[in-house]
């Protein structure tokens, strides 16, 4: 039986609005096993991205715990947090916006490597070259700036950067939504290859149930900060129980 590598326990998050409280996470609990891809599906505003940020310690939950490798990481700070980031990384939807426009792609990846590992200059360069090869980008692209790359190339570079620490868990937040269908397929193929090659576990956040059916092992469906349905991707796609899941499916099939 596969080991549970990531677990969220009773995560709650509420934002104060002018005239009401917005509940982004309402008692969210789930497990992610080694080598598994878990899809998190729902419309914009349902709490998917907030959940991802809480897992990554980019936002604090009001209550609940995030457990990585049997260790609670919810309140970790400083050097301990940097050590945690070696095991868990995130790729954002806006790949272009995630790069510093003043430095090259290669330098951006190198800075990321430097922040997580202690390497010589030669080893850093070799690591960047290897990461670019790994995601199917020519090495010479390390000398380009993000605006000189296509959307798909930039997303590959962002994945390369995230892989620099050899993470056990990769959170992908709408990583294909800004890409056309053919480039989407290429990025998914790359993620599948990385999963098989390095046994990476994924939390794959998307609004696209069709995409989930071809990539994810299990799915949780979120609405208004709650998990309304969960199960294998086959079960969710072919035998949905919740009316909201059925509405999502009807909109694409």
Protein backbone atom coordinates (compact mmCIF):
# COMPACT_ATOMS: atom_id res chain seq x y z
CA UNK A 1 0.00 0.00 0.00
CA UNK A 2 1.33 3.44 -0.95
CA UNK A 3 2.39 5.79 1.82
CA UNK A 4 0.41 8.97 2.50
CA UNK A 5 2.82 11.80 1.69
CA UNK A 6 0.55 14.84 2.13
CA UNK A 7 -2.54 15.29 4.27
CA UNK A 8 -4.85 18.20 4.96
CA UNK A 9 -6.85 17.94 8.17
CA UNK A 10 -9.90 20.12 8.80
CA UNK A 11 -8.58 23.20 6.96
CA UNK A 12 -10.69 26.33 7.47
CA UNK A 13 -10.18 29.79 5.96
CA UNK A 14 -12.50 32.79 6.03
CA UNK A 15 -11.96 36.22 4.48
CA UNK A 16 -13.65 39.35 5.79
CA UNK A 17 -15.48 41.23 3.05
CA UNK A 18 -17.20 44.61 3.38
CA UNK A 19 -20.67 43.21 3.77
CA UNK A 20 -20.10 39.50 4.38
CA UNK A 21 -17.63 36.73 5.19
CA UNK A 22 -16.27 34.71 2.27
CA UNK A 23 -15.54 31.11 3.23
CA UNK A 24 -12.67 29.84 1.06
CA UNK A 25 -12.08 26.57 2.93
CA UNK A 26 -14.71 24.82 5.03
CA UNK A 27 -13.34 21.87 6.98
CA UNK A 28 -11.27 20.54 4.04
CA UNK A 29 -9.64 17.15 4.60
CA UNK A 30 -7.92 14.82 2.12
CA UNK A 31 -4.87 12.61 1.64
CA UNK A 32 -2.36 12.34 -1.19
CA UNK A 33 -0.36 9.13 -1.61
CA UNK A 34 3.11 8.67 -3.07
CA UNK A 35 3.04 8.67 -6.87
CA UNK A 36 -0.63 9.69 -6.96
CA UNK A 37 -2.23 12.53 -8.90
CA UNK A 38 -5.13 14.15 -7.08
CA UNK A 39 -7.36 16.49 -9.08
CA UNK A 40 -9.00 19.43 -7.29
CA UNK A 41 -11.90 20.67 -9.41
CA UNK A 42 -14.35 23.54 -9.16
CA UNK A 43 -15.35 26.89 -10.58
CA UNK A 44 -13.46 30.12 -9.93
CA UNK A 45 -13.91 31.29 -6.36
CA UNK A 46 -14.59 27.85 -4.91
CA UNK A 47 -11.39 27.90 -2.83
CA UNK A 48 -9.02 25.77 -4.92
CA UNK A 49 -6.17 28.28 -5.13
CA UNK A 50 -6.56 29.35 -1.52
CA UNK A 51 -6.18 25.71 -0.51
CA UNK A 52 -2.99 25.47 -2.59
CA UNK A 53 -1.53 28.59 -0.95
CA UNK A 54 -2.34 27.23 2.52
CA UNK A 55 -0.57 23.97 1.69
CA UNK A 56 2.46 25.96 0.49
CA UNK A 57 2.45 28.20 3.58
CA UNK A 58 1.84 31.24 1.39
CA UNK A 59 -1.32 31.86 3.41
CA UNK A 60 -2.28 30.79 6.91
CA UNK A 61 -5.43 28.84 7.61
CA UNK A 62 -7.73 29.86 10.45
CA UNK A 63 -7.55 26.30 11.76
CA UNK A 64 -6.51 22.83 10.69
CA UNK A 65 -3.22 21.17 9.79
CA UNK A 66 -1.14 20.44 6.70
CA UNK A 67 1.02 17.35 7.20
CA UNK A 68 3.92 16.50 4.88
CA UNK A 69 5.90 13.30 5.42
CA UNK A 70 4.22 12.80 8.81
CA UNK A 71 5.25 16.31 9.96
CA UNK A 72 2.90 19.26 10.51
CA UNK A 73 4.14 22.17 8.39
CA UNK A 74 1.33 24.64 9.06
CA UNK A 75 3.31 26.96 11.36
CA UNK A 76 6.86 26.43 10.12
CA UNK A 77 8.98 29.52 9.41
CA UNK A 78 12.51 30.56 8.38
CA UNK A 79 15.10 27.92 7.54
CA UNK A 80 12.72 25.09 8.40
CA UNK A 81 10.30 26.40 5.78
CA UNK A 82 13.08 26.54 3.19
CA UNK A 83 13.85 22.90 3.96
CA UNK A 84 10.18 22.03 3.49
CA UNK A 85 10.22 23.67 0.04
CA UNK A 86 12.77 21.09 -1.06
CA UNK A 87 10.02 18.49 -0.80
CA UNK A 88 7.01 20.45 -2.04
CA UNK A 89 6.83 22.95 -4.89
CA UNK A 90 4.13 24.81 -6.81
CA UNK A 91 3.69 25.77 -10.46
CA UNK A 92 1.37 28.74 -10.98
CA UNK A 93 -1.12 29.47 -13.75
CA UNK A 94 0.65 32.70 -14.73
CA UNK A 95 4.02 31.22 -15.67
CA UNK A 96 5.14 34.40 -17.43
CA UNK A 97 4.32 36.56 -14.41
CA UNK A 98 6.22 34.21 -12.10
CA UNK A 99 9.56 35.09 -13.74
CA UNK A 100 11.62 38.21 -13.04
CA UNK A 101 11.54 40.21 -16.31
CA UNK A 102 14.98 41.69 -15.60
CA UNK A 103 16.90 38.41 -15.67
CA UNK A 104 17.12 35.50 -18.09
CA UNK A 105 15.20 32.26 -17.68
CA UNK A 106 18.43 30.44 -16.88
CA UNK A 107 19.41 32.94 -14.20
CA UNK A 108 15.93 32.76 -12.67
CA UNK A 109 16.15 28.97 -12.41
CA UNK A 110 19.72 29.24 -11.08
CA UNK A 111 18.65 31.65 -8.34
CA UNK A 112 15.97 29.18 -7.31
CA UNK A 113 18.51 26.36 -7.22
CA UNK A 114 20.84 28.54 -5.11
CA UNK A 115 18.12 29.29 -2.57
CA UNK A 116 17.50 25.60 -1.92
CA UNK A 117 20.89 23.94 -2.46
CA UNK A 118 24.60 24.67 -2.00
CA UNK A 119 26.37 24.11 -5.33
CA UNK A 120 29.46 25.37 -7.12
CA UNK A 121 29.05 27.72 -10.08
CA UNK A 122 29.77 24.90 -12.52
CA UNK A 123 27.29 22.59 -10.81
CA UNK A 124 24.62 25.31 -10.90
CA UNK A 125 25.08 25.77 -14.65
CA UNK A 126 25.01 22.02 -15.23
CA UNK A 127 21.85 21.73 -13.11
CA UNK A 128 20.08 24.45 -15.12
CA UNK A 129 21.08 22.79 -18.40
CA UNK A 130 19.84 19.42 -17.18
CA UNK A 131 16.53 20.85 -15.97
CA UNK A 132 15.88 22.51 -19.33
CA UNK A 133 16.66 19.26 -21.16
CA UNK A 134 14.37 17.41 -18.76
CA UNK A 135 11.37 19.55 -19.71
CA UNK A 136 12.16 19.49 -23.42
CA UNK A 137 13.62 22.98 -23.86
CA UNK A 138 16.81 23.73 -25.81
CA UNK A 139 19.70 24.71 -23.51
CA UNK A 140 20.18 28.01 -25.38
CA UNK A 141 16.82 29.16 -24.02
CA UNK A 142 18.50 29.80 -20.69
CA UNK A 143 19.88 33.00 -22.23
CA UNK A 144 16.44 34.31 -23.18
CA UNK A 145 14.02 36.44 -21.19
CA UNK A 146 10.51 35.28 -20.40
CA UNK A 147 8.91 37.58 -23.00
CA UNK A 148 10.95 35.81 -25.70
CA UNK A 149 9.30 32.47 -24.93
CA UNK A 150 5.86 31.21 -25.93
CA UNK A 151 3.28 30.46 -23.24
CA UNK A 152 3.98 26.73 -23.44
CA UNK A 153 7.76 27.24 -23.29
CA UNK A 154 7.40 29.53 -20.30
CA UNK A 155 5.25 26.95 -18.51
CA UNK A 156 7.89 24.29 -19.19
CA UNK A 157 10.54 26.62 -17.75
CA UNK A 158 8.38 27.14 -14.66
CA UNK A 159 8.09 23.37 -14.25
CA UNK A 160 11.89 23.07 -14.63
CA UNK A 161 12.35 25.64 -11.87
CA UNK A 162 9.94 23.77 -9.57
CA UNK A 163 11.75 20.48 -10.24
CA UNK A 164 15.12 21.97 -9.26
CA UNK A 165 14.81 20.75 -5.66
CA UNK A 166 13.62 17.26 -6.67
CA UNK A 167 10.28 17.69 -4.85
CA UNK A 168 8.18 14.78 -3.72
CA UNK A 169 4.96 16.80 -4.20
CA UNK A 170 4.17 19.24 -7.00
CA UNK A 171 1.10 21.47 -6.81
CA UNK A 172 -0.09 22.59 -10.25
CA UNK A 173 -2.53 25.50 -10.07
CA UNK A 174 -4.39 25.84 -13.40
CA UNK A 175 -1.10 25.27 -15.26
CA UNK A 176 -2.79 24.55 -18.61
CA UNK A 177 -5.76 26.92 -18.56
CA UNK A 178 -3.97 29.73 -20.46
CA UNK A 179 -2.63 27.38 -23.15
CA UNK A 180 -4.20 26.16 -26.38
CA UNK A 181 -5.32 22.55 -26.62
CA UNK A 182 -2.22 21.18 -28.39
CA UNK A 183 0.16 22.84 -25.90
CA UNK A 184 -2.02 21.65 -23.02
CA UNK A 185 -1.50 18.09 -24.23
CA UNK A 186 2.28 18.59 -24.38
CA UNK A 187 2.40 19.93 -20.81
CA UNK A 188 0.27 17.03 -19.54
CA UNK A 189 2.55 14.55 -21.32
CA UNK A 190 5.52 16.20 -19.61
CA UNK A 191 3.87 15.97 -16.17
CA UNK A 192 3.04 12.30 -16.76
CA UNK A 193 6.65 11.64 -17.77
CA UNK A 194 7.92 13.38 -14.61
CA UNK A 195 5.47 11.37 -12.50
CA UNK A 196 6.66 8.08 -13.96
CA UNK A 197 10.34 9.03 -13.94
CA UNK A 198 10.57 10.47 -10.42
CA UNK A 199 7.45 9.15 -8.64
CA UNK A 200 6.23 12.71 -8.06
CA UNK A 201 2.84 13.14 -6.40
CA UNK A 202 0.59 15.87 -7.82
CA UNK A 203 -2.16 18.11 -6.54
CA UNK A 204 -3.61 19.17 -9.89
CA UNK A 205 -5.94 22.15 -9.56
CA UNK A 206 -8.22 22.85 -12.50
CA UNK A 207 -11.76 23.73 -13.56
CA UNK A 208 -11.53 21.26 -16.46
CA UNK A 209 -13.05 17.87 -15.59
CA UNK A 210 -12.22 16.54 -19.06
CA UNK A 211 -8.53 17.15 -18.39
CA UNK A 212 -8.78 15.51 -14.99
CA UNK A 213 -10.22 12.35 -16.51
CA UNK A 214 -7.10 11.79 -18.59
CA UNK A 215 -4.51 12.64 -15.95
CA UNK A 216 -5.68 12.22 -12.36
CA UNK A 217 -6.11 9.06 -10.28
CA UNK A 218 -8.57 10.62 -7.83
CA UNK A 219 -10.65 13.78 -7.79
CA UNK A 220 -12.16 16.06 -5.18
CA UNK A 221 -14.86 18.49 -6.30
CA UNK A 222 -15.10 21.82 -4.45
CA UNK A 223 -17.98 24.27 -4.21
CA UNK A 224 -18.14 27.32 -1.91
CA UNK A 225 -15.09 26.16 0.02
CA UNK A 226 -16.42 22.65 0.65
CA UNK A 227 -15.62 19.24 -0.80
CA UNK A 228 -18.96 18.11 -2.20
CA UNK A 229 -17.76 14.89 -3.83
CA UNK A 230 -14.62 12.78 -4.09
CA UNK A 231 -13.58 9.49 -5.61
CA UNK A 232 -11.62 7.91 -8.44
CA UNK A 233 -11.55 9.93 -11.65
CA UNK A 234 -13.44 7.13 -13.42
CA UNK A 235 -16.17 7.16 -10.78
CA UNK A 236 -16.49 10.94 -10.76
CA UNK A 237 -16.67 11.18 -14.56
CA UNK A 238 -18.93 8.20 -15.18
CA UNK A 239 -21.08 8.04 -12.02
CA UNK A 240 -21.23 11.48 -10.39
CA UNK A 241 -23.54 11.74 -7.38
CA UNK A 242 -23.64 15.42 -6.48
CA UNK A 243 -25.74 17.77 -8.60
CA UNK A 244 -22.90 20.28 -8.81
CA UNK A 245 -20.56 17.64 -10.25
CA UNK A 246 -23.22 16.71 -12.79
CA UNK A 247 -23.54 20.38 -13.81
CA UNK A 248 -19.77 20.63 -14.31
CA UNK A 249 -19.81 17.49 -16.46
CA UNK A 250 -22.78 18.65 -18.50
CA UNK A 251 -20.93 21.85 -19.37
CA UNK A 252 -18.08 19.94 -21.07
CA UNK A 253 -19.56 16.69 -22.37
